[in-house]
Amino acid sequence: MKQKISQWSRVTVSAGCFVACMMGAASMAQPTFGNPSPTAGSSTSQKANAAADAAAYKEVDYVNKGKKGPALVVIPGDVKSSNAGFMQKFGPNNIADFGELELSNANFNVLERSNLGNLLQEVSLAYNMGDVASARKSMQIGRLKTTQWIVKFDILKAEQIAENKKGFDGRAIGGLLSVFGGLGAAGSIAGSVQTQDTTGVWLVGMRYKIMDAITTEQVAQGYKELKMEVGATATSVLGVSEGAKGGVGLDTMVQRLVQTAVWEIDSKYK
């Protein structure tokens, strides 16, 4: 009798361990979310989601992320593009936020700008002007004492360099078929056909600069440039239409440029 009770206890304990392990695994799983869109699962939804997946954020496997990088501060850079739309959407702080994120992912010791408070403006001015005395004075305050690098990212270019359009308007052919061919139905069908494809390509360029926190001298710099394509297509036949538009947005393009720059900083200068 005691042996049966012992066997039953072991089974109960094993079952309890299995349930606990399963619950632990479930609690550690990545969160998932539903899609309340009324078009979820449709062909339009699948195409739109495929385009969004291609543009979604992807982590970069930085080659030296196993090695701790020097302590640094990312200061707001300059946006030197003359494109009004880009200037309205982006400021130096947006780009510096991306810089802090990616440098942290690459295992650099990043002192976030939010921790500097009012000192941030003083630090930025000192390094942008190359004022060694002011820089040294700033670096003697609090956590800044351990800072080795000052890093900034500048947008030097954001311009649309090409646009191509192609389309078909069937109204002229439809009219000819109806008048000369006596093909009224065929003319109506041909006349209803409308197609339009448009593609635009942008070039966005970013410079990164690394400065010595004590001397303000430039340690390294580099320039990266990426293409951004935006396109749209539309087709209509007998009142039935289909269209799509998309591409990588400016937010994503800036983040990819920062990732490309940080990859080079991590691989060359750490």
C-alpha atoms as a PDB file:
ATOM      1  CA  MET A   1       0.000   0.000   0.000  1.00  0.00           C
ATOM      2  CA  LYS A   2       2.825   2.402   0.907  1.00  0.00           C
ATOM      3  CA  GLN A   3       4.548   1.567  -2.414  1.00  0.00           C
ATOM      4  CA  LYS A   4       1.374   2.503  -4.382  1.00  0.00           C
ATOM      5  CA  ILE A   5       1.068   5.784  -2.487  1.00  0.00           C
ATOM      6  CA  SER A   6       4.724   6.531  -3.191  1.00  0.00           C
ATOM      7  CA  GLN A   7       4.286   5.803  -6.900  1.00  0.00           C
ATOM      8  CA  TRP A   8       1.165   7.994  -7.013  1.00  0.00           C
ATOM      9  CA  SER A   9       3.079  10.826  -5.280  1.00  0.00           C
ATOM     10  CA  ARG A  10       5.844  10.654  -7.856  1.00  0.00           C
ATOM     11  CA  VAL A  11       3.293  10.807 -10.693  1.00  0.00           C
ATOM     12  CA  THR A  12       1.584  13.803  -9.041  1.00  0.00           C
ATOM     13  CA  VAL A  13       4.897  15.624  -8.562  1.00  0.00           C
ATOM     14  CA  SER A  14       5.946  14.918 -12.168  1.00  0.00           C
ATOM     15  CA  ALA A  15       2.605  16.175 -13.467  1.00  0.00           C
ATOM     16  CA  GLY A  16       2.924  19.275 -11.321  1.00  0.00           C
ATOM     17  CA  CYS A  17       6.421  19.958 -12.636  1.00  0.00           C
ATOM     18  CA  PHE A  18       5.219  19.527 -16.222  1.00  0.00           C
ATOM     19  CA  VAL A  19       2.345  21.983 -15.700  1.00  0.00           C
ATOM     20  CA  ALA A  20       4.676  24.486 -14.001  1.00  0.00           C
ATOM     21  CA  CYS A  21       7.188  24.229 -16.841  1.00  0.00           C
ATOM     22  CA  MET A  22       4.464  24.750 -19.444  1.00  0.00           C
ATOM     23  CA  MET A  23       3.118  27.765 -17.559  1.00  0.00           C
ATOM     24  CA  GLY A  24       6.635  29.186 -17.295  1.00  0.00           C
ATOM     25  CA  ALA A  25       7.225  28.697 -21.015  1.00  0.00           C
ATOM     26  CA  ALA A  26       3.914  30.393 -21.794  1.00  0.00           C
ATOM     27  CA  SER A  27       4.776  33.360 -19.591  1.00  0.00           C
ATOM     28  CA  MET A  28       8.136  33.753 -21.362  1.00  0.00           C
ATOM     29  CA  ALA A  29       6.661  33.600 -24.885  1.00  0.00           C
ATOM     30  CA  GLN A  30       6.742  36.709 -27.044  1.00  0.00           C
ATOM     31  CA  PRO A  31       3.434  38.602 -26.860  1.00  0.00           C
ATOM     32  CA  THR A  32       1.088  38.278 -29.826  1.00  0.00           C
ATOM     33  CA  PHE A  33      -1.787  40.542 -30.815  1.00  0.00           C
ATOM     34  CA  GLY A  34      -4.956  40.105 -32.812  1.00  0.00           C
ATOM     35  CA  ASN A  35      -5.981  41.990 -35.949  1.00  0.00           C
ATOM     36  CA  PRO A  36      -9.454  43.598 -35.648  1.00  0.00           C
ATOM     37  CA  SER A  37      -9.417  44.932 -39.211  1.00  0.00           C
ATOM     38  CA  PRO A  38     -12.562  43.919 -41.190  1.00  0.00           C
ATOM     39  CA  THR A  39     -10.321  43.069 -44.169  1.00  0.00           C
ATOM     40  CA  ALA A  40      -7.956  40.821 -42.180  1.00  0.00           C
ATOM     41  CA  GLY A  41      -6.943  37.783 -44.211  1.00  0.00           C
ATOM     42  CA  SER A  42      -8.136  39.211 -47.525  1.00  0.00           C
ATOM     43  CA  SER A  43      -5.870  39.552 -50.564  1.00  0.00           C
ATOM     44  CA  THR A  44      -5.504  43.301 -49.962  1.00  0.00           C
ATOM     45  CA  SER A  45      -4.597  42.638 -46.325  1.00  0.00           C
ATOM     46  CA  GLN A  46      -1.996  40.033 -47.282  1.00  0.00           C
ATOM     47  CA  LYS A  47      -0.332  42.347 -49.803  1.00  0.00           C
ATOM     48  CA  ALA A  48      -0.332  45.291 -47.389  1.00  0.00           C
ATOM     49  CA  ASN A  49       1.084  43.161 -44.567  1.00  0.00           C
ATOM     50  CA  ALA A  50       3.792  41.753 -46.836  1.00  0.00           C
ATOM     51  CA  ALA A  51       4.873  45.306 -47.684  1.00  0.00           C
ATOM     52  CA  ALA A  52       4.796  46.296 -43.999  1.00  0.00           C
ATOM     53  CA  ASP A  53       6.884  43.247 -43.042  1.00  0.00           C
ATOM     54  CA  ALA A  54       9.542  44.251 -45.569  1.00  0.00           C
ATOM     55  CA  ALA A  55       9.755  47.729 -44.011  1.00  0.00           C
ATOM     56  CA  ALA A  56       9.493  46.622 -40.357  1.00  0.00           C
ATOM     57  CA  TYR A  57      12.330  47.213 -37.900  1.00  0.00           C
ATOM     58  CA  LYS A  58      14.975  44.505 -37.939  1.00  0.00           C
ATOM     59  CA  GLU A  59      17.716  44.212 -35.359  1.00  0.00           C
ATOM     60  CA  VAL A  60      21.284  44.297 -36.634  1.00  0.00           C
ATOM     61  CA  ASP A  61      23.722  41.635 -35.477  1.00  0.00           C
ATOM     62  CA  TYR A  62      26.635  43.936 -34.710  1.00  0.00           C
ATOM     63  CA  VAL A  63      29.898  42.048 -35.162  1.00  0.00           C
ATOM     64  CA  ASN A  64      31.583  43.288 -31.963  1.00  0.00           C
ATOM     65  CA  LYS A  65      28.548  43.515 -29.695  1.00  0.00           C
ATOM     66  CA  GLY A  66      30.161  40.970 -27.366  1.00  0.00           C
ATOM     67  CA  LYS A  67      32.802  43.580 -26.586  1.00  0.00           C
ATOM     68  CA  LYS A  68      31.914  46.515 -24.337  1.00  0.00           C
ATOM     69  CA  GLY A  69      32.319  49.839 -26.117  1.00  0.00           C
ATOM     70  CA  PRO A  70      33.560  53.118 -24.626  1.00  0.00           C
ATOM     71  CA  ALA A  71      31.264  55.425 -22.663  1.00  0.00           C
ATOM     72  CA  LEU A  72      29.731  58.017 -24.949  1.00  0.00           C
ATOM     73  CA  VAL A  73      27.102  60.713 -25.348  1.00  0.00           C
ATOM     74  CA  VAL A  74      25.071  61.238 -28.534  1.00  0.00           C
ATOM     75  CA  ILE A  75      24.458  64.928 -29.138  1.00  0.00           C
ATOM     76  CA  PRO A  76      21.871  66.280 -31.590  1.00  0.00           C
ATOM     77  CA  GLY A  77      23.333  66.595 -35.074  1.00  0.00           C
ATOM     78  CA  ASP A  78      22.405  68.822 -38.003  1.00  0.00           C
ATOM     79  CA  VAL A  79      19.760  68.327 -40.669  1.00  0.00           C
ATOM     80  CA  LYS A  80      21.255  70.093 -43.663  1.00  0.00           C
ATOM     81  CA  SER A  81      18.775  68.943 -46.289  1.00  0.00           C
ATOM     82  CA  SER A  82      16.920  71.693 -48.138  1.00  0.00           C
ATOM     83  CA  ASN A  83      13.873  69.451 -48.587  1.00  0.00           C
ATOM     84  CA  ALA A  84      10.984  71.133 -46.768  1.00  0.00           C
ATOM     85  CA  GLY A  85       9.063  67.900 -46.132  1.00  0.00           C
ATOM     86  CA  PHE A  86      12.066  66.268 -44.517  1.00  0.00           C
ATOM     87  CA  MET A  87      12.797  69.332 -42.400  1.00  0.00           C
ATOM     88  CA  GLN A  88       9.217  69.379 -41.092  1.00  0.00           C
ATOM     89  CA  LYS A  89       9.269  65.702 -40.156  1.00  0.00           C
ATOM     90  CA  PHE A  90      12.744  65.346 -38.683  1.00  0.00           C
ATOM     91  CA  GLY A  91      14.780  67.288 -36.200  1.00  0.00           C
ATOM     92  CA  PRO A  92      18.179  66.532 -34.689  1.00  0.00           C
ATOM     93  CA  ASN A  93      16.614  64.913 -31.611  1.00  0.00           C
ATOM     94  CA  ASN A  94      14.745  62.291 -33.655  1.00  0.00           C
ATOM     95  CA  ILE A  95      17.992  61.126 -35.225  1.00  0.00           C
ATOM     96  CA  ALA A  96      19.883  61.190 -31.912  1.00  0.00           C
ATOM     97  CA  ASP A  97      17.185  58.952 -30.381  1.00  0.00           C
ATOM     98  CA  PHE A  98      17.816  56.344 -33.078  1.00  0.00           C
ATOM     99  CA  GLY A  99      21.551  56.726 -32.459  1.00  0.00           C
ATOM    100  CA  GLU A 100      21.237  56.056 -28.731  1.00  0.00           C
ATOM    101  CA  LEU A 101      19.095  52.985 -29.384  1.00  0.00           C
ATOM    102  CA  GLU A 102      21.441  51.382 -31.895  1.00  0.00           C
ATOM    103  CA  LEU A 103      24.655  52.217 -30.040  1.00  0.00           C
ATOM    104  CA  SER A 104      23.149  50.630 -26.922  1.00  0.00           C
ATOM    105  CA  ASN A 105      22.239  47.537 -28.980  1.00  0.00           C
ATOM    106  CA  ALA A 106      25.881  47.397 -30.126  1.00  0.00           C
ATOM    107  CA  ASN A 107      26.962  47.307 -26.447  1.00  0.00           C
ATOM    108  CA  PHE A 108      28.307  50.837 -26.150  1.00  0.00           C
ATOM    109  CA  ASN A 109      27.950  52.492 -22.752  1.00  0.00           C
ATOM    110  CA  VAL A 110      25.490  55.250 -23.705  1.00  0.00           C
ATOM    111  CA  LEU A 111      24.695  58.096 -21.342  1.00  0.00           C
ATOM    112  CA  GLU A 112      21.254  59.155 -22.523  1.00  0.00           C
ATOM    113  CA  ARG A 113      20.619  62.802 -23.265  1.00  0.00           C
ATOM    114  CA  SER A 114      17.597  62.832 -20.968  1.00  0.00           C
ATOM    115  CA  ASN A 115      19.970  62.352 -18.035  1.00  0.00           C
ATOM    116  CA  LEU A 116      21.923  65.494 -18.913  1.00  0.00           C
ATOM    117  CA  GLY A 117      19.037  67.921 -18.441  1.00  0.00           C
ATOM    118  CA  ASN A 118      20.016  71.536 -19.110  1.00  0.00           C
ATOM    119  CA  LEU A 119      23.655  70.482 -19.488  1.00  0.00           C
ATOM    120  CA  LEU A 120      22.913  68.977 -22.914  1.00  0.00           C
ATOM    121  CA  GLN A 121      22.815  72.351 -24.658  1.00  0.00           C
ATOM    122  CA  GLU A 122      26.115  73.389 -23.083  1.00  0.00           C
ATOM    123  CA  VAL A 123      27.785  70.121 -24.095  1.00  0.00           C
ATOM    124  CA  SER A 124      26.452  70.309 -27.661  1.00  0.00           C
ATOM    125  CA  LEU A 125      27.629  73.891 -28.097  1.00  0.00           C
ATOM    126  CA  ALA A 126      31.110  73.133 -26.748  1.00  0.00           C
ATOM    127  CA  TYR A 127      31.730  70.245 -29.150  1.00  0.00           C
ATOM    128  CA  ASN A 128      30.106  71.846 -32.178  1.00  0.00           C
ATOM    129  CA  MET A 129      32.328  74.913 -31.667  1.00  0.00           C
ATOM    130  CA  GLY A 130      35.432  72.904 -30.756  1.00  0.00           C
ATOM    131  CA  ASP A 131      35.691  74.809 -27.460  1.00  0.00           C
ATOM    132  CA  VAL A 132      38.210  72.685 -25.540  1.00  0.00           C
ATOM    133  CA  ALA A 133      37.967  74.656 -22.279  1.00  0.00           C
ATOM    134  CA  SER A 134      34.172  74.446 -22.121  1.00  0.00           C
ATOM    135  CA  ALA A 135      34.252  70.764 -23.106  1.00  0.00           C
ATOM    136  CA  ARG A 136      36.697  69.897 -20.320  1.00  0.00           C
ATOM    137  CA  LYS A 137      34.623  71.853 -17.824  1.00  0.00           C
ATOM    138  CA  SER A 138      31.460  69.987 -18.843  1.00  0.00           C
ATOM    139  CA  MET A 139      33.165  66.605 -18.621  1.00  0.00           C
ATOM    140  CA  GLN A 140      33.965  67.149 -14.933  1.00  0.00           C
ATOM    141  CA  ILE A 141      30.301  67.000 -13.929  1.00  0.00           C
ATOM    142  CA  GLY A 142      28.705  63.821 -12.539  1.00  0.00           C
ATOM    143  CA  ARG A 143      28.559  60.798 -14.819  1.00  0.00           C
ATOM    144  CA  LEU A 144      30.163  62.728 -17.670  1.00  0.00           C
ATOM    145  CA  LYS A 145      33.559  62.157 -16.013  1.00  0.00           C
ATOM    146  CA  THR A 146      33.732  58.663 -17.553  1.00  0.00           C
ATOM    147  CA  THR A 147      32.705  59.775 -21.051  1.00  0.00           C
ATOM    148  CA  GLN A 148      35.280  59.017 -23.764  1.00  0.00           C
ATOM    149  CA  TRP A 149      33.401  59.829 -26.982  1.00  0.00           C
ATOM    150  CA  ILE A 150      30.915  62.382 -28.206  1.00  0.00           C
ATOM    151  CA  VAL A 151      28.973  61.086 -31.225  1.00  0.00           C
ATOM    152  CA  LYS A 152      26.674  62.937 -33.623  1.00  0.00           C
ATOM    153  CA  PHE A 153      24.748  61.995 -36.744  1.00  0.00           C
ATOM    154  CA  ASP A 154      24.042  64.594 -39.458  1.00  0.00           C
ATOM    155  CA  ILE A 155      21.672  64.348 -42.413  1.00  0.00           C
ATOM    156  CA  LEU A 156      23.508  65.899 -45.350  1.00  0.00           C
ATOM    157  CA  LYS A 157      21.181  64.900 -48.175  1.00  0.00           C
ATOM    158  CA  ALA A 158      17.499  64.036 -48.658  1.00  0.00           C
ATOM    159  CA  GLU A 159      16.329  64.521 -52.217  1.00  0.00           C
ATOM    160  CA  GLN A 160      14.138  62.845 -54.774  1.00  0.00           C
ATOM    161  CA  ILE A 161      16.432  62.087 -57.695  1.00  0.00           C
ATOM    162  CA  ALA A 162      14.119  60.192 -60.049  1.00  0.00           C
ATOM    163  CA  GLU A 163      10.449  59.611 -60.829  1.00  0.00           C
ATOM    164  CA  ASN A 164       8.994  57.385 -63.526  1.00  0.00           C
ATOM    165  CA  LYS A 165       5.352  57.068 -64.591  1.00  0.00           C
ATOM    166  CA  LYS A 166       3.694  54.617 -66.961  1.00  0.00           C
ATOM    167  CA  GLY A 167       0.010  54.266 -67.749  1.00  0.00           C
ATOM    168  CA  PHE A 168      -2.660  53.191 -70.214  1.00  0.00           C
ATOM    169  CA  ASP A 169      -5.939  54.950 -70.990  1.00  0.00           C
ATOM    170  CA  GLY A 170      -8.310  52.777 -73.021  1.00  0.00           C
ATOM    171  CA  ARG A 171     -10.893  55.456 -73.808  1.00  0.00           C
ATOM    172  CA  ALA A 172      -9.412  56.367 -77.190  1.00  0.00           C
ATOM    173  CA  ILE A 173      -9.205  52.746 -78.383  1.00  0.00           C
ATOM    174  CA  GLY A 174     -12.682  52.040 -77.030  1.00  0.00           C
ATOM    175  CA  GLY A 175     -14.070  54.976 -78.993  1.00  0.00           C
ATOM    176  CA  LEU A 176     -12.467  53.767 -82.241  1.00  0.00           C
ATOM    177  CA  LEU A 177     -13.819  50.240 -81.789  1.00  0.00           C
ATOM    178  CA  SER A 178     -17.322  51.561 -81.190  1.00  0.00           C
ATOM    179  CA  VAL A 179     -17.328  53.971 -84.158  1.00  0.00           C
ATOM    180  CA  PHE A 180     -15.427  52.094 -86.845  1.00  0.00           C
ATOM    181  CA  GLY A 181     -15.627  48.493 -85.817  1.00  0.00           C
ATOM    182  CA  GLY A 182     -19.239  48.352 -84.776  1.00  0.00           C
ATOM    183  CA  LEU A 183     -18.105  46.567 -81.639  1.00  0.00           C
ATOM    184  CA  GLY A 184     -20.032  48.429 -78.990  1.00  0.00           C
ATOM    185  CA  ALA A 185     -19.467  45.932 -76.168  1.00  0.00           C
ATOM    186  CA  ALA A 186     -15.791  45.516 -76.940  1.00  0.00           C
ATOM    187  CA  GLY A 187     -15.425  49.270 -77.192  1.00  0.00           C
ATOM    188  CA  SER A 188     -17.026  49.727 -73.793  1.00  0.00           C
ATOM    189  CA  ILE A 189     -14.701  47.161 -72.221  1.00  0.00           C
ATOM    190  CA  ALA A 190     -11.579  48.603 -73.841  1.00  0.00           C
ATOM    191  CA  GLY A 191     -12.623  52.134 -72.953  1.00  0.00           C
ATOM    192  CA  SER A 192     -12.971  51.207 -69.280  1.00  0.00           C
ATOM    193  CA  VAL A 193      -9.369  50.055 -68.927  1.00  0.00           C
ATOM    194  CA  GLN A 194      -7.215  52.468 -66.913  1.00  0.00           C
ATOM    195  CA  THR A 195      -3.741  51.652 -65.563  1.00  0.00           C
ATOM    196  CA  GLN A 196      -1.150  53.834 -63.823  1.00  0.00           C
ATOM    197  CA  ASP A 197       2.247  52.984 -62.319  1.00  0.00           C
ATOM    198  CA  THR A 198       4.399  55.570 -60.551  1.00  0.00           C
ATOM    199  CA  THR A 199       7.817  55.092 -58.947  1.00  0.00           C
ATOM    200  CA  GLY A 200       9.941  57.665 -57.156  1.00  0.00           C
ATOM    201  CA  VAL A 201      13.464  57.172 -55.818  1.00  0.00           C
ATOM    202  CA  TRP A 202      15.072  59.252 -53.061  1.00  0.00           C
ATOM    203  CA  LEU A 203      18.665  59.418 -51.897  1.00  0.00           C
ATOM    204  CA  VAL A 204      19.219  60.068 -48.194  1.00  0.00           C
ATOM    205  CA  GLY A 205      22.762  60.568 -46.897  1.00  0.00           C
ATOM    206  CA  MET A 206      24.049  60.592 -43.313  1.00  0.00           C
ATOM    207  CA  ARG A 207      27.415  61.509 -41.815  1.00  0.00           C
ATOM    208  CA  TYR A 208      28.546  60.271 -38.425  1.00  0.00           C
ATOM    209  CA  LYS A 209      31.269  61.958 -36.426  1.00  0.00           C
ATOM    210  CA  ILE A 210      33.113  60.703 -33.330  1.00  0.00           C
ATOM    211  CA  MET A 211      34.909  63.276 -31.155  1.00  0.00           C
ATOM    212  CA  ASP A 212      37.234  62.835 -28.208  1.00  0.00           C
ATOM    213  CA  ALA A 213      35.362  63.877 -25.065  1.00  0.00           C
ATOM    214  CA  ILE A 214      38.398  65.654 -23.573  1.00  0.00           C
ATOM    215  CA  THR A 215      40.110  67.313 -26.531  1.00  0.00           C
ATOM    216  CA  THR A 216      37.055  67.724 -28.845  1.00  0.00           C
ATOM    217  CA  GLU A 217      39.290  66.449 -31.660  1.00  0.00           C
ATOM    218  CA  GLN A 218      37.721  64.252 -34.301  1.00  0.00           C
ATOM    219  CA  VAL A 219      38.425  60.555 -33.765  1.00  0.00           C
ATOM    220  CA  ALA A 220      36.650  59.298 -36.893  1.00  0.00           C
ATOM    221  CA  GLN A 221      33.901  60.095 -39.347  1.00  0.00           C
ATOM    222  CA  GLY A 222      32.071  58.362 -42.158  1.00  0.00           C
ATOM    223  CA  TYR A 223      29.278  58.877 -44.676  1.00  0.00           C
ATOM    224  CA  LYS A 224      26.485  56.487 -45.627  1.00  0.00           C
ATOM    225  CA  GLU A 225      23.870  56.858 -48.337  1.00  0.00           C
ATOM    226  CA  LEU A 226      20.809  54.718 -49.053  1.00  0.00           C
ATOM    227  CA  LYS A 227      18.104  54.719 -51.716  1.00  0.00           C
ATOM    228  CA  MET A 228      14.447  54.989 -50.770  1.00  0.00           C
ATOM    229  CA  GLU A 229      11.841  53.889 -53.294  1.00  0.00           C
ATOM    230  CA  VAL A 230       8.178  54.889 -53.109  1.00  0.00           C
ATOM    231  CA  GLY A 231       5.706  53.525 -55.626  1.00  0.00           C
ATOM    232  CA  ALA A 232       2.035  53.278 -56.492  1.00  0.00           C
ATOM    233  CA  THR A 233       0.068  51.198 -58.979  1.00  0.00           C
ATOM    234  CA  ALA A 234      -3.614  51.300 -59.952  1.00  0.00           C
ATOM    235  CA  THR A 235      -5.789  49.360 -62.422  1.00  0.00           C
ATOM    236  CA  SER A 236      -9.474  49.763 -63.277  1.00  0.00           C
ATOM    237  CA  VAL A 237     -11.558  47.622 -65.688  1.00  0.00           C
ATOM    238  CA  LEU A 238     -15.337  47.962 -66.002  1.00  0.00           C
ATOM    239  CA  GLY A 239     -15.522  49.756 -62.688  1.00  0.00           C
ATOM    240  CA  VAL A 240     -13.504  47.082 -60.859  1.00  0.00           C
ATOM    241  CA  SER A 241     -10.371  48.708 -59.454  1.00  0.00           C
ATOM    242  CA  GLU A 242      -7.240  47.559 -57.711  1.00  0.00           C
ATOM    243  CA  GLY A 243      -4.431  49.693 -56.348  1.00  0.00           C
ATOM    244  CA  ALA A 244      -1.477  49.684 -54.036  1.00  0.00           C
ATOM    245  CA  LYS A 245       1.092  52.156 -52.804  1.00  0.00           C
ATOM    246  CA  GLY A 246       3.961  51.995 -50.402  1.00  0.00           C
ATOM    247  CA  GLY A 247       7.681  51.929 -49.847  1.00  0.00           C
ATOM    248  CA  VAL A 248      10.144  52.642 -47.086  1.00  0.00           C
ATOM    249  CA  GLY A 249       9.202  55.789 -45.175  1.00  0.00           C
ATOM    250  CA  LEU A 250      11.581  58.514 -44.034  1.00  0.00           C
ATOM    251  CA  ASP A 251      11.477  57.272 -40.421  1.00  0.00           C
ATOM    252  CA  THR A 252      12.589  53.816 -41.500  1.00  0.00           C
ATOM    253  CA  MET A 253      15.211  55.214 -43.874  1.00  0.00           C
ATOM    254  CA  VAL A 254      16.806  57.346 -41.146  1.00  0.00           C
ATOM    255  CA  GLN A 255      16.847  54.403 -38.757  1.00  0.00           C
ATOM    256  CA  ARG A 256      18.474  52.160 -41.381  1.00  0.00           C
ATOM    257  CA  LEU A 257      21.107  54.806 -42.032  1.00  0.00           C
ATOM    258  CA  VAL A 258      21.856  54.998 -38.305  1.00  0.00           C
ATOM    259  CA  GLN A 259      22.110  51.198 -38.157  1.00  0.00           C
ATOM    260  CA  THR A 260      24.521  51.215 -41.098  1.00  0.00           C
ATOM    261  CA  ALA A 261      26.646  53.917 -39.457  1.00  0.00           C
ATOM    262  CA  VAL A 262      26.668  52.169 -36.067  1.00  0.00           C
ATOM    263  CA  TRP A 263      27.658  48.891 -37.731  1.00  0.00           C
ATOM    264  CA  GLU A 264      30.743  50.641 -39.135  1.00  0.00           C
ATOM    265  CA  ILE A 265      31.532  52.320 -35.790  1.00  0.00           C
ATOM    266  CA  ASP A 266      31.214  48.978 -33.998  1.00  0.00           C
ATOM    267  CA  SER A 267      33.325  47.055 -36.518  1.00  0.00           C
ATOM    268  CA  LYS A 268      36.082  49.641 -37.046  1.00  0.00           C
ATOM    269  CA  TYR A 269      36.515  51.775 -33.942  1.00  0.00           C
ATOM    270  CA  LYS A 270      35.438  49.829 -30.859  1.00  0.00           C
END
